[in-house]
């Protein structure tokens, strides 16, 4: 994980970034080896309760978001790690479309007018992203086969991530794991109420319509 994050940071710096914020967003959010990161990077560890969750501290001053190590949505069947936010949710929908953590946080970024420009992760998610927005760069580092994965070589993965960055960018939000103009409708196949998780990403004028 740390090696792929470092590669993304290096690619961002080569693309012109002068400031990089890294949000560790896997499990305890205390996974990345901080000493391996470039000095231009700031690392956010742990969970603060910030409404943007995996893109904590993101605001309109950033120029781009990069998502590293993301996985397929819950119910996708394209990765043994496939889930959306929690394993307690079988499937989640926004606008009647099955929803991934990529999509949730892309909408969160769009709410402050910051584009997601690059994502790395499993092949199932990368295929989904191409259908959602082909202008977002992707690098698939593994493919799910049943309850197993087939991964490319780690050095090849880092090389592809490093080389994938568009240019130029100055301030980057890098998360490890245009504002939507439609009415948001959500549902999930679970008895647990999900509005506290979803509502921070939904503009106030749309929440009244739900």
N, C-alpha and C. Protein backbone atom coordinates (compact mmCIF):
# COMPACT_ATOMS: atom_id res chain seq x y z
N UNK A 1 0.82 -1.20 0.00
CA UNK A 1 0.00 0.00 0.00
C UNK A 1 0.86 1.27 0.00
N UNK A 2 1.86 1.29 0.89
CA UNK A 2 2.71 2.47 0.97
C UNK A 2 3.42 2.73 -0.36
N UNK A 3 3.92 1.68 -1.01
CA UNK A 3 4.65 1.86 -2.27
C UNK A 3 3.77 2.48 -3.34
N UNK A 4 2.50 2.07 -3.42
CA UNK A 4 1.61 2.63 -4.43
C UNK A 4 1.26 4.09 -4.12
N UNK A 5 1.14 4.40 -2.83
CA UNK A 5 0.88 5.79 -2.43
C UNK A 5 2.08 6.66 -2.78
N UNK A 6 3.27 6.17 -2.50
CA UNK A 6 4.49 6.92 -2.84
C UNK A 6 4.56 7.15 -4.34
N UNK A 7 4.24 6.13 -5.13
CA UNK A 7 4.26 6.28 -6.58
C UNK A 7 3.28 7.35 -7.05
N UNK A 8 2.09 7.37 -6.45
CA UNK A 8 1.10 8.38 -6.80
C UNK A 8 1.59 9.77 -6.43
N UNK A 9 2.23 9.90 -5.27
CA UNK A 9 2.78 11.19 -4.85
C UNK A 9 3.86 11.65 -5.82
N UNK A 10 4.73 10.73 -6.20
CA UNK A 10 5.81 11.09 -7.13
C UNK A 10 5.24 11.51 -8.48
N UNK A 11 4.21 10.81 -8.95
CA UNK A 11 3.57 11.19 -10.20
C UNK A 11 2.93 12.56 -10.11
N UNK A 12 2.30 12.85 -8.97
CA UNK A 12 1.67 14.16 -8.78
C UNK A 12 2.71 15.27 -8.76
N UNK A 13 3.84 15.02 -8.10
CA UNK A 13 4.91 16.02 -8.04
C UNK A 13 5.48 16.27 -9.43
N UNK A 14 5.66 15.21 -10.21
CA UNK A 14 6.16 15.36 -11.57
C UNK A 14 5.17 16.13 -12.44
N UNK A 15 3.87 16.02 -12.09
CA UNK A 15 2.83 16.72 -12.84
C UNK A 15 2.70 18.18 -12.42
N UNK A 16 3.48 18.59 -11.42
CA UNK A 16 3.47 19.99 -11.01
C UNK A 16 2.90 20.26 -9.64
N UNK A 17 2.48 19.22 -8.91
CA UNK A 17 1.90 19.44 -7.58
C UNK A 17 2.96 20.00 -6.62
N UNK A 18 2.55 20.94 -5.81
CA UNK A 18 3.43 21.49 -4.78
C UNK A 18 2.93 21.18 -3.38
N UNK A 19 1.71 20.66 -3.28
CA UNK A 19 1.12 20.30 -1.99
C UNK A 19 0.25 19.06 -2.17
N UNK A 20 0.48 18.04 -1.33
CA UNK A 20 -0.27 16.79 -1.42
C UNK A 20 -0.77 16.41 -0.04
N UNK A 21 -2.05 16.15 0.07
CA UNK A 21 -2.64 15.66 1.32
C UNK A 21 -3.04 14.21 1.10
N UNK A 22 -2.55 13.32 1.94
CA UNK A 22 -2.83 11.90 1.83
C UNK A 22 -3.76 11.48 2.97
N UNK A 23 -4.90 10.90 2.64
CA UNK A 23 -5.81 10.37 3.66
C UNK A 23 -5.71 8.85 3.67
N UNK A 24 -5.15 8.31 4.73
CA UNK A 24 -5.15 6.86 4.93
C UNK A 24 -6.59 6.46 5.25
N UNK A 25 -7.18 5.63 4.40
CA UNK A 25 -8.62 5.35 4.54
C UNK A 25 -8.94 3.87 4.56
N UNK A 26 -7.97 3.05 4.90
CA UNK A 26 -8.22 1.61 4.98
C UNK A 26 -8.31 1.16 6.44
N UNK A 27 -9.41 0.51 6.79
CA UNK A 27 -9.58 -0.10 8.11
C UNK A 27 -9.34 0.92 9.22
N UNK A 28 -8.28 0.77 9.99
CA UNK A 28 -8.00 1.67 11.11
C UNK A 28 -7.49 3.03 10.63
N UNK A 29 -7.16 3.13 9.34
CA UNK A 29 -6.57 4.36 8.77
C UNK A 29 -5.22 4.68 9.38
N UNK A 30 -4.50 3.63 9.75
CA UNK A 30 -3.15 3.78 10.30
C UNK A 30 -2.25 2.72 9.65
N UNK A 31 -2.15 2.78 8.34
CA UNK A 31 -1.44 1.75 7.58
C UNK A 31 -0.20 2.26 6.86
N UNK A 32 -0.23 3.48 6.39
CA UNK A 32 0.85 4.01 5.55
C UNK A 32 2.07 4.35 6.39
N UNK A 33 3.24 3.99 5.90
CA UNK A 33 4.51 4.31 6.58
C UNK A 33 4.86 5.76 6.24
N UNK A 34 4.68 6.64 7.18
CA UNK A 34 4.81 8.08 6.93
C UNK A 34 6.20 8.47 6.45
N UNK A 35 7.23 7.81 6.96
CA UNK A 35 8.60 8.18 6.62
C UNK A 35 8.94 7.91 5.16
N UNK A 36 8.13 7.10 4.48
CA UNK A 36 8.39 6.78 3.07
C UNK A 36 7.82 7.83 2.13
N UNK A 37 6.93 8.69 2.62
CA UNK A 37 6.26 9.67 1.77
C UNK A 37 7.19 10.83 1.43
N UNK A 38 6.98 11.48 0.28
CA UNK A 38 7.75 12.69 -0.04
C UNK A 38 7.46 13.78 1.00
N UNK A 39 8.40 14.67 1.18
CA UNK A 39 8.25 15.73 2.19
C UNK A 39 7.11 16.67 1.86
N UNK A 40 6.70 16.73 0.61
CA UNK A 40 5.60 17.62 0.22
C UNK A 40 4.24 17.08 0.66
N UNK A 41 4.20 15.84 1.13
CA UNK A 41 2.93 15.21 1.48
C UNK A 41 2.60 15.37 2.96
N UNK A 42 1.33 15.65 3.25
CA UNK A 42 0.81 15.64 4.61
C UNK A 42 -0.07 14.40 4.75
N UNK A 43 0.06 13.68 5.86
CA UNK A 43 -0.66 12.42 6.05
C UNK A 43 -1.73 12.56 7.12
N UNK A 44 -2.97 12.20 6.78
CA UNK A 44 -4.08 12.19 7.73
C UNK A 44 -4.32 10.75 8.13
N UNK A 45 -4.18 10.45 9.41
CA UNK A 45 -4.36 9.09 9.91
C UNK A 45 -5.55 9.04 10.86
N UNK A 46 -6.21 7.88 10.94
CA UNK A 46 -7.35 7.73 11.83
C UNK A 46 -8.61 8.33 11.24
N UNK A 47 -9.69 8.27 12.05
CA UNK A 47 -11.00 8.76 11.61
C UNK A 47 -11.48 9.86 12.55
N UNK A 48 -11.78 11.03 12.00
CA UNK A 48 -12.12 12.20 12.81
C UNK A 48 -13.62 12.42 12.92
N UNK A 49 -14.42 11.73 12.11
CA UNK A 49 -15.85 12.04 12.03
C UNK A 49 -16.16 13.10 11.00
N UNK A 50 -15.16 13.50 10.22
CA UNK A 50 -15.37 14.47 9.15
C UNK A 50 -16.43 13.96 8.18
N UNK A 51 -17.35 14.80 7.73
CA UNK A 51 -18.45 14.34 6.86
C UNK A 51 -17.99 13.79 5.52
N UNK A 52 -16.78 14.13 5.07
CA UNK A 52 -16.30 13.62 3.79
C UNK A 52 -15.58 12.27 3.94
N UNK A 53 -15.47 11.77 5.13
CA UNK A 53 -14.95 10.43 5.43
C UNK A 53 -13.59 10.19 4.76
N UNK A 54 -13.57 9.54 3.60
CA UNK A 54 -12.31 9.15 2.96
C UNK A 54 -11.61 10.27 2.21
N UNK A 55 -12.26 11.41 2.06
CA UNK A 55 -11.60 12.59 1.47
C UNK A 55 -11.65 13.73 2.48
N UNK A 56 -11.39 13.40 3.72
CA UNK A 56 -11.35 14.37 4.81
C UNK A 56 -10.45 15.55 4.47
N UNK A 57 -10.88 16.74 4.84
CA UNK A 57 -10.18 18.02 4.65
C UNK A 57 -10.23 18.54 3.21
N UNK A 58 -10.84 17.81 2.30
CA UNK A 58 -10.96 18.29 0.93
C UNK A 58 -11.83 19.54 0.89
N UNK A 59 -11.38 20.56 0.15
CA UNK A 59 -12.18 21.77 -0.05
C UNK A 59 -11.86 22.35 -1.42
N UNK A 60 -12.44 23.51 -1.70
CA UNK A 60 -12.34 24.09 -3.04
C UNK A 60 -10.94 24.57 -3.39
N UNK A 61 -10.00 24.59 -2.45
CA UNK A 61 -8.65 25.04 -2.76
C UNK A 61 -7.82 23.95 -3.47
N UNK A 62 -8.31 22.70 -3.43
CA UNK A 62 -7.60 21.62 -4.12
C UNK A 62 -7.97 21.61 -5.60
N UNK A 63 -7.05 21.10 -6.41
CA UNK A 63 -7.29 21.03 -7.85
C UNK A 63 -7.69 19.65 -8.33
N UNK A 64 -7.39 18.62 -7.56
CA UNK A 64 -7.67 17.27 -8.03
C UNK A 64 -7.67 16.28 -6.88
N UNK A 65 -8.36 15.15 -7.11
CA UNK A 65 -8.37 14.04 -6.16
C UNK A 65 -7.88 12.79 -6.88
N UNK A 66 -7.05 12.01 -6.19
CA UNK A 66 -6.57 10.73 -6.69
C UNK A 66 -6.94 9.67 -5.67
N UNK A 67 -7.51 8.56 -6.12
CA UNK A 67 -7.92 7.48 -5.22
C UNK A 67 -7.07 6.24 -5.50
N UNK A 68 -6.36 5.78 -4.48
CA UNK A 68 -5.42 4.67 -4.63
C UNK A 68 -5.90 3.45 -3.85
N UNK A 69 -5.83 2.28 -4.47
CA UNK A 69 -6.17 1.04 -3.78
C UNK A 69 -7.66 0.84 -3.56
N UNK A 70 -8.48 1.38 -4.44
CA UNK A 70 -9.94 1.24 -4.27
C UNK A 70 -10.42 -0.08 -4.84
N UNK A 71 -11.62 -0.49 -4.40
CA UNK A 71 -12.15 -1.80 -4.74
C UNK A 71 -13.56 -1.70 -5.31
N UNK A 72 -14.03 -2.81 -5.84
CA UNK A 72 -15.36 -2.86 -6.43
C UNK A 72 -16.45 -2.63 -5.38
N UNK A 73 -17.61 -2.23 -5.86
CA UNK A 73 -18.76 -1.95 -5.00
C UNK A 73 -19.32 -3.23 -4.39
N UNK A 74 -20.05 -3.06 -3.31
CA UNK A 74 -20.74 -4.17 -2.70
C UNK A 74 -21.70 -4.84 -3.67
N UNK A 75 -21.66 -6.16 -3.74
CA UNK A 75 -22.54 -6.90 -4.63
C UNK A 75 -22.02 -7.06 -6.04
N UNK A 76 -20.83 -6.50 -6.33
CA UNK A 76 -20.33 -6.54 -7.71
C UNK A 76 -19.85 -7.92 -8.11
N UNK A 77 -19.27 -8.67 -7.20
CA UNK A 77 -18.77 -9.99 -7.52
C UNK A 77 -17.47 -10.00 -8.28
N UNK A 78 -16.83 -8.82 -8.45
CA UNK A 78 -15.60 -8.74 -9.24
C UNK A 78 -14.35 -8.65 -8.37
N UNK A 79 -14.52 -8.76 -7.06
CA UNK A 79 -13.37 -8.72 -6.16
C UNK A 79 -13.77 -9.36 -4.84
N UNK A 80 -12.88 -10.18 -4.23
CA UNK A 80 -13.21 -10.75 -2.92
C UNK A 80 -13.31 -9.69 -1.83
N UNK A 81 -12.81 -8.49 -2.12
CA UNK A 81 -12.88 -7.39 -1.15
C UNK A 81 -14.05 -6.45 -1.44
N UNK A 82 -14.88 -6.79 -2.41
CA UNK A 82 -15.97 -5.90 -2.82
C UNK A 82 -16.91 -5.58 -1.66
N UNK A 83 -17.10 -4.30 -1.38
CA UNK A 83 -18.07 -3.84 -0.39
C UNK A 83 -18.24 -2.33 -0.57
N UNK A 84 -19.25 -1.78 0.04
CA UNK A 84 -19.45 -0.33 0.01
C UNK A 84 -19.60 0.17 1.44
N UNK A 85 -18.59 0.83 1.92
CA UNK A 85 -18.51 1.45 3.25
C UNK A 85 -18.39 0.44 4.39
N UNK A 86 -19.21 -0.60 4.39
CA UNK A 86 -19.18 -1.58 5.46
C UNK A 86 -19.66 -2.92 4.94
N UNK A 87 -19.15 -3.99 5.52
CA UNK A 87 -19.58 -5.31 5.09
C UNK A 87 -21.01 -5.64 5.46
N UNK A 88 -21.66 -4.79 6.28
CA UNK A 88 -23.05 -5.00 6.68
C UNK A 88 -24.03 -4.63 5.58
N UNK A 89 -23.55 -3.96 4.53
CA UNK A 89 -24.41 -3.52 3.44
C UNK A 89 -24.20 -4.43 2.25
N UNK A 90 -25.27 -5.06 1.80
CA UNK A 90 -25.18 -5.94 0.64
C UNK A 90 -24.97 -5.14 -0.64
N UNK A 91 -25.83 -4.15 -0.85
CA UNK A 91 -25.71 -3.25 -1.99
C UNK A 91 -26.23 -1.88 -1.60
N UNK A 92 -25.68 -0.84 -2.21
CA UNK A 92 -26.13 0.53 -1.98
C UNK A 92 -26.40 1.17 -3.34
N UNK A 93 -27.42 2.03 -3.40
CA UNK A 93 -27.80 2.66 -4.66
C UNK A 93 -27.89 4.18 -4.50
N UNK A 94 -27.45 4.91 -5.51
CA UNK A 94 -27.69 6.35 -5.64
C UNK A 94 -28.25 6.57 -7.04
N UNK A 95 -29.36 7.29 -7.12
CA UNK A 95 -30.02 7.47 -8.41
C UNK A 95 -30.30 6.14 -9.09
N UNK A 96 -30.68 5.15 -8.28
CA UNK A 96 -31.03 3.81 -8.76
C UNK A 96 -29.86 3.06 -9.38
N UNK A 97 -28.63 3.53 -9.16
CA UNK A 97 -27.46 2.85 -9.70
C UNK A 97 -26.66 2.26 -8.54
N UNK A 98 -26.18 1.02 -8.67
CA UNK A 98 -25.32 0.44 -7.64
C UNK A 98 -24.13 1.35 -7.38
N UNK A 99 -23.80 1.52 -6.11
CA UNK A 99 -22.86 2.57 -5.71
C UNK A 99 -21.61 2.01 -5.04
N UNK A 100 -20.48 2.53 -5.44
CA UNK A 100 -19.19 2.15 -4.86
C UNK A 100 -18.66 3.28 -3.99
N UNK A 101 -17.62 2.99 -3.23
CA UNK A 101 -16.97 4.04 -2.45
C UNK A 101 -16.34 5.08 -3.37
N UNK A 102 -15.90 4.64 -4.54
CA UNK A 102 -15.42 5.59 -5.55
C UNK A 102 -16.49 6.61 -5.89
N UNK A 103 -17.71 6.14 -6.17
CA UNK A 103 -18.78 7.04 -6.59
C UNK A 103 -19.18 7.99 -5.46
N UNK A 104 -19.30 7.48 -4.24
CA UNK A 104 -19.66 8.31 -3.09
C UNK A 104 -18.67 9.45 -2.93
N UNK A 105 -17.39 9.14 -2.99
CA UNK A 105 -16.39 10.17 -2.73
C UNK A 105 -16.11 11.05 -3.95
N UNK A 106 -16.46 10.56 -5.13
CA UNK A 106 -16.43 11.42 -6.32
C UNK A 106 -17.51 12.48 -6.22
N UNK A 107 -18.70 12.09 -5.74
CA UNK A 107 -19.76 13.07 -5.52
C UNK A 107 -19.38 14.05 -4.40
N UNK A 108 -18.72 13.55 -3.36
CA UNK A 108 -18.29 14.44 -2.28
C UNK A 108 -17.32 15.49 -2.83
N UNK A 109 -16.36 15.04 -3.66
CA UNK A 109 -15.41 15.98 -4.26
C UNK A 109 -16.11 16.96 -5.19
N UNK A 110 -17.09 16.47 -5.94
CA UNK A 110 -17.83 17.34 -6.86
C UNK A 110 -18.60 18.42 -6.12
N UNK A 111 -19.01 18.13 -4.87
CA UNK A 111 -19.76 19.13 -4.11
C UNK A 111 -18.92 20.35 -3.77
N UNK A 112 -17.58 20.20 -3.80
CA UNK A 112 -16.70 21.36 -3.61
C UNK A 112 -15.93 21.66 -4.91
N UNK A 113 -16.48 21.14 -6.02
CA UNK A 113 -15.98 21.44 -7.37
C UNK A 113 -14.53 20.99 -7.59
N UNK A 114 -14.19 19.85 -7.04
CA UNK A 114 -12.86 19.27 -7.26
C UNK A 114 -13.02 17.94 -7.99
N UNK A 115 -12.36 17.77 -9.14
CA UNK A 115 -12.53 16.53 -9.91
C UNK A 115 -11.66 15.38 -9.40
N UNK A 116 -12.19 14.17 -9.49
CA UNK A 116 -11.36 12.98 -9.34
C UNK A 116 -10.71 12.74 -10.70
N UNK A 117 -9.38 12.69 -10.74
CA UNK A 117 -8.69 12.58 -12.04
C UNK A 117 -8.03 11.23 -12.26
N UNK A 118 -7.86 10.46 -11.17
CA UNK A 118 -7.16 9.19 -11.32
C UNK A 118 -7.56 8.23 -10.22
N UNK A 119 -7.72 6.94 -10.57
CA UNK A 119 -8.06 5.89 -9.61
C UNK A 119 -7.26 4.64 -9.92
N UNK A 120 -6.70 4.01 -8.90
CA UNK A 120 -6.12 2.68 -9.07
C UNK A 120 -6.88 1.71 -8.18
N UNK A 121 -6.90 0.44 -8.60
CA UNK A 121 -7.63 -0.55 -7.81
C UNK A 121 -7.85 -1.81 -8.61
N UNK A 122 -8.94 -2.52 -8.35
CA UNK A 122 -9.19 -3.77 -9.06
C UNK A 122 -9.85 -3.51 -10.42
N UNK A 123 -9.77 -4.53 -11.28
CA UNK A 123 -10.25 -4.39 -12.65
C UNK A 123 -11.75 -4.11 -12.70
N UNK A 124 -12.51 -4.72 -11.81
CA UNK A 124 -13.95 -4.49 -11.80
C UNK A 124 -14.30 -3.03 -11.60
N UNK A 125 -13.63 -2.38 -10.66
CA UNK A 125 -13.88 -0.96 -10.41
C UNK A 125 -13.42 -0.11 -11.59
N UNK A 126 -12.26 -0.42 -12.15
CA UNK A 126 -11.76 0.37 -13.28
C UNK A 126 -12.71 0.31 -14.46
N UNK A 127 -13.30 -0.86 -14.70
CA UNK A 127 -14.28 -0.99 -15.77
C UNK A 127 -15.51 -0.13 -15.48
N UNK A 128 -15.95 -0.11 -14.23
CA UNK A 128 -17.08 0.73 -13.83
C UNK A 128 -16.78 2.20 -14.07
N UNK A 129 -15.57 2.61 -13.74
CA UNK A 129 -15.20 4.03 -13.87
C UNK A 129 -15.19 4.46 -15.33
N UNK A 130 -14.70 3.62 -16.22
CA UNK A 130 -14.69 3.95 -17.65
C UNK A 130 -16.11 4.20 -18.14
N UNK A 131 -17.07 3.42 -17.66
CA UNK A 131 -18.46 3.63 -18.04
C UNK A 131 -19.06 4.88 -17.42
N UNK A 132 -18.58 5.25 -16.23
CA UNK A 132 -19.10 6.42 -15.53
C UNK A 132 -18.53 7.72 -16.11
N UNK A 133 -17.21 7.74 -16.30
CA UNK A 133 -16.55 8.93 -16.85
C UNK A 133 -15.22 8.51 -17.46
N UNK A 134 -15.15 8.35 -18.78
CA UNK A 134 -13.93 7.86 -19.42
C UNK A 134 -12.75 8.83 -19.32
N UNK A 135 -12.98 10.05 -18.84
CA UNK A 135 -11.90 11.01 -18.71
C UNK A 135 -11.10 10.81 -17.42
N UNK A 136 -11.59 9.97 -16.50
CA UNK A 136 -10.85 9.66 -15.28
C UNK A 136 -9.84 8.56 -15.59
N UNK A 137 -8.56 8.83 -15.32
CA UNK A 137 -7.53 7.83 -15.56
C UNK A 137 -7.64 6.67 -14.58
N UNK A 138 -7.35 5.46 -15.03
CA UNK A 138 -7.40 4.28 -14.16
C UNK A 138 -6.19 3.39 -14.39
N UNK A 139 -5.80 2.71 -13.34
CA UNK A 139 -4.79 1.65 -13.42
C UNK A 139 -5.31 0.47 -12.61
N UNK A 140 -5.53 -0.66 -13.28
CA UNK A 140 -5.95 -1.88 -12.59
C UNK A 140 -4.72 -2.65 -12.16
N UNK A 141 -4.58 -2.88 -10.87
CA UNK A 141 -3.41 -3.59 -10.36
C UNK A 141 -3.73 -5.04 -10.00
N UNK A 142 -5.01 -5.40 -10.02
CA UNK A 142 -5.40 -6.78 -9.73
C UNK A 142 -6.77 -7.06 -10.33
N UNK A 143 -7.08 -8.35 -10.42
CA UNK A 143 -8.39 -8.78 -10.91
C UNK A 143 -8.90 -9.88 -9.99
N UNK A 144 -10.15 -9.77 -9.59
CA UNK A 144 -10.74 -10.77 -8.72
C UNK A 144 -11.22 -11.98 -9.51
N UNK A 145 -10.93 -13.17 -8.99
CA UNK A 145 -11.42 -14.42 -9.57
C UNK A 145 -11.99 -15.24 -8.42
N UNK A 146 -13.31 -15.22 -8.29
CA UNK A 146 -13.92 -15.87 -7.14
C UNK A 146 -13.42 -15.23 -5.85
N UNK A 147 -12.91 -16.04 -4.94
CA UNK A 147 -12.39 -15.51 -3.68
C UNK A 147 -10.88 -15.34 -3.73
N UNK A 148 -10.33 -15.18 -4.95
CA UNK A 148 -8.90 -14.99 -5.12
C UNK A 148 -8.64 -13.75 -5.95
N UNK A 149 -7.38 -13.36 -6.05
CA UNK A 149 -7.01 -12.22 -6.89
C UNK A 149 -5.79 -12.58 -7.73
N UNK A 150 -5.73 -12.01 -8.92
CA UNK A 150 -4.56 -12.11 -9.78
C UNK A 150 -3.98 -10.71 -9.90
N UNK A 151 -2.77 -10.51 -9.38
CA UNK A 151 -2.17 -9.19 -9.30
C UNK A 151 -0.99 -9.06 -10.27
N UNK A 152 -0.80 -7.87 -10.80
CA UNK A 152 0.39 -7.61 -11.59
C UNK A 152 1.57 -7.42 -10.62
N UNK A 153 2.78 -7.42 -11.14
CA UNK A 153 3.97 -7.28 -10.29
C UNK A 153 3.93 -5.94 -9.57
N UNK A 154 4.30 -5.89 -8.29
CA UNK A 154 4.26 -4.62 -7.54
C UNK A 154 5.04 -3.48 -8.19
N UNK A 155 6.20 -3.78 -8.79
CA UNK A 155 6.98 -2.71 -9.42
C UNK A 155 6.30 -2.20 -10.68
N UNK A 156 5.61 -3.10 -11.40
CA UNK A 156 4.85 -2.67 -12.57
C UNK A 156 3.67 -1.81 -12.14
N UNK A 157 3.03 -2.18 -11.03
CA UNK A 157 1.89 -1.40 -10.52
C UNK A 157 2.34 0.02 -10.16
N UNK A 158 3.44 0.14 -9.43
CA UNK A 158 3.90 1.47 -9.03
C UNK A 158 4.34 2.29 -10.23
N UNK A 159 4.96 1.64 -11.21
CA UNK A 159 5.39 2.37 -12.41
C UNK A 159 4.19 2.92 -13.17
N UNK A 160 3.14 2.12 -13.31
CA UNK A 160 1.95 2.57 -14.03
C UNK A 160 1.23 3.69 -13.28
N UNK A 161 1.17 3.59 -11.97
CA UNK A 161 0.54 4.64 -11.17
C UNK A 161 1.33 5.94 -11.27
N UNK A 162 2.64 5.84 -11.22
CA UNK A 162 3.50 7.03 -11.29
C UNK A 162 3.36 7.73 -12.63
N UNK A 163 3.20 6.96 -13.69
CA UNK A 163 3.17 7.53 -15.04
C UNK A 163 1.79 7.99 -15.48
N UNK A 164 0.76 7.70 -14.69
CA UNK A 164 -0.61 7.93 -15.15
C UNK A 164 -1.12 9.34 -14.93
N UNK A 165 -0.37 10.17 -14.22
CA UNK A 165 -0.90 11.48 -13.84
C UNK A 165 -1.05 12.43 -15.01
N UNK A 166 -2.21 13.11 -15.10
CA UNK A 166 -2.35 14.21 -16.07
C UNK A 166 -1.59 15.43 -15.56
N UNK A 167 -1.36 16.39 -16.41
CA UNK A 167 -0.61 17.58 -16.02
C UNK A 167 -1.40 18.81 -16.45
N UNK A 168 -1.22 19.97 -15.77
CA UNK A 168 -0.47 20.16 -14.52
C UNK A 168 -1.44 20.31 -13.35
N UNK A 169 -1.00 20.04 -12.15
CA UNK A 169 -1.78 20.24 -10.94
C UNK A 169 -0.87 20.81 -9.86
N UNK A 170 -1.45 21.55 -8.93
CA UNK A 170 -0.67 22.16 -7.85
C UNK A 170 -1.02 21.59 -6.49
N UNK A 171 -2.32 21.53 -6.16
CA UNK A 171 -2.74 21.05 -4.84
C UNK A 171 -3.56 19.77 -5.02
N UNK A 172 -3.10 18.68 -4.44
CA UNK A 172 -3.69 17.37 -4.68
C UNK A 172 -4.18 16.77 -3.37
N UNK A 173 -5.37 16.18 -3.38
CA UNK A 173 -5.85 15.36 -2.28
C UNK A 173 -5.76 13.91 -2.72
N UNK A 174 -4.90 13.13 -2.07
CA UNK A 174 -4.69 11.74 -2.46
C UNK A 174 -5.29 10.85 -1.40
N UNK A 175 -6.32 10.09 -1.76
CA UNK A 175 -7.01 9.23 -0.80
C UNK A 175 -6.69 7.78 -1.06
N UNK A 176 -6.27 7.08 0.02
CA UNK A 176 -5.93 5.67 -0.09
C UNK A 176 -7.12 4.85 0.41
N UNK A 177 -7.58 4.23 -0.20
CA UNK A 177 -8.62 3.21 -0.38
C UNK A 177 -8.85 3.39 -1.66
N UNK A 178 -19.22 16.78 -12.52
CA UNK A 178 -19.35 18.11 -11.99
C UNK A 178 -20.52 18.08 -11.03
N UNK A 179 -20.54 18.80 -9.84
CA UNK A 179 -21.53 18.51 -8.81
C UNK A 179 -22.78 17.93 -9.46
N UNK A 180 -23.28 16.86 -8.82
CA UNK A 180 -24.44 16.18 -9.41
C UNK A 180 -25.64 17.11 -9.50
N UNK A 181 -26.26 17.17 -10.63
CA UNK A 181 -27.39 18.08 -10.84
C UNK A 181 -28.72 17.35 -10.87
N UNK A 182 -28.71 16.09 -10.46
CA UNK A 182 -29.96 15.33 -10.43
C UNK A 182 -30.41 15.13 -8.99
N UNK A 183 -31.67 14.79 -8.84
CA UNK A 183 -32.17 14.43 -7.52
C UNK A 183 -31.51 13.14 -7.07
N UNK A 184 -31.03 13.13 -5.82
CA UNK A 184 -30.43 11.92 -5.28
C UNK A 184 -31.51 11.05 -4.65
N UNK A 185 -31.51 9.77 -5.00
CA UNK A 185 -32.34 8.79 -4.30
C UNK A 185 -31.42 7.65 -3.90
N UNK A 186 -31.56 7.18 -2.68
CA UNK A 186 -30.68 6.11 -2.25
C UNK A 186 -31.49 5.00 -1.61
N UNK A 187 -30.96 3.80 -1.68
CA UNK A 187 -31.52 2.68 -0.95
C UNK A 187 -30.40 1.66 -0.77
N UNK A 188 -30.49 0.86 0.25
CA UNK A 188 -29.50 -0.19 0.48
C UNK A 188 -30.21 -1.44 0.97
N UNK A 189 -29.65 -2.58 0.63
CA UNK A 189 -30.23 -3.86 1.05
C UNK A 189 -29.76 -4.21 2.45
N UNK A 190 -30.19 -3.42 3.42
CA UNK A 190 -29.83 -3.65 4.81
C UNK A 190 -30.87 -3.00 5.68
N UNK A 191 -31.06 -3.52 6.87
CA UNK A 191 -32.02 -2.92 7.79
C UNK A 191 -31.43 -1.72 8.50
N UNK A 192 -30.11 -1.56 8.46
CA UNK A 192 -29.45 -0.46 9.18
C UNK A 192 -29.67 0.85 8.42
N UNK A 193 -30.07 1.93 9.10
CA UNK A 193 -30.26 3.22 8.43
C UNK A 193 -28.93 3.77 7.93
N UNK A 194 -28.88 4.21 6.66
CA UNK A 194 -27.64 4.68 6.06
C UNK A 194 -27.59 6.18 5.85
N UNK A 195 -28.68 6.91 6.15
CA UNK A 195 -28.68 8.35 5.91
C UNK A 195 -27.53 9.09 6.57
N UNK A 196 -27.10 8.75 7.79
CA UNK A 196 -25.95 9.48 8.38
C UNK A 196 -24.69 9.35 7.55
N UNK A 197 -24.51 8.24 6.81
CA UNK A 197 -23.33 8.08 5.97
C UNK A 197 -23.50 8.81 4.65
N UNK A 198 -24.68 8.74 4.06
CA UNK A 198 -24.89 9.29 2.72
C UNK A 198 -25.14 10.79 2.73
N UNK A 199 -25.86 11.29 3.71
CA UNK A 199 -26.35 12.67 3.66
C UNK A 199 -25.27 13.74 3.55
N UNK A 200 -24.05 13.57 4.09
CA UNK A 200 -23.07 14.64 3.92
C UNK A 200 -22.73 14.94 2.48
N UNK A 201 -22.95 13.97 1.56
CA UNK A 201 -22.59 14.15 0.17
C UNK A 201 -23.73 14.69 -0.67
N UNK A 202 -24.91 14.84 -0.08
CA UNK A 202 -26.08 15.25 -0.83
C UNK A 202 -26.38 16.73 -0.56
N UNK A 203 -26.37 17.58 -1.58
CA UNK A 203 -26.68 18.98 -1.37
C UNK A 203 -27.99 19.17 -0.62
N UNK A 204 -28.05 20.16 0.25
CA UNK A 204 -29.21 20.38 1.11
C UNK A 204 -30.50 20.50 0.32
N UNK A 205 -30.43 21.14 -0.84
CA UNK A 205 -31.67 21.33 -1.61
C UNK A 205 -32.21 20.02 -2.14
N UNK A 206 -31.34 18.99 -2.26
CA UNK A 206 -31.80 17.69 -2.72
C UNK A 206 -32.31 16.82 -1.59
N UNK A 207 -31.80 17.02 -0.37
CA UNK A 207 -32.20 16.16 0.74
C UNK A 207 -33.70 16.27 1.00
N UNK A 208 -34.27 17.46 0.77
CA UNK A 208 -35.70 17.68 1.02
C UNK A 208 -36.57 16.87 0.05
N UNK A 209 -35.96 16.42 -1.05
CA UNK A 209 -36.72 15.72 -2.08
C UNK A 209 -36.70 14.22 -1.86
N UNK A 210 -35.98 13.75 -0.83
CA UNK A 210 -35.82 12.33 -0.63
C UNK A 210 -36.94 11.77 0.23
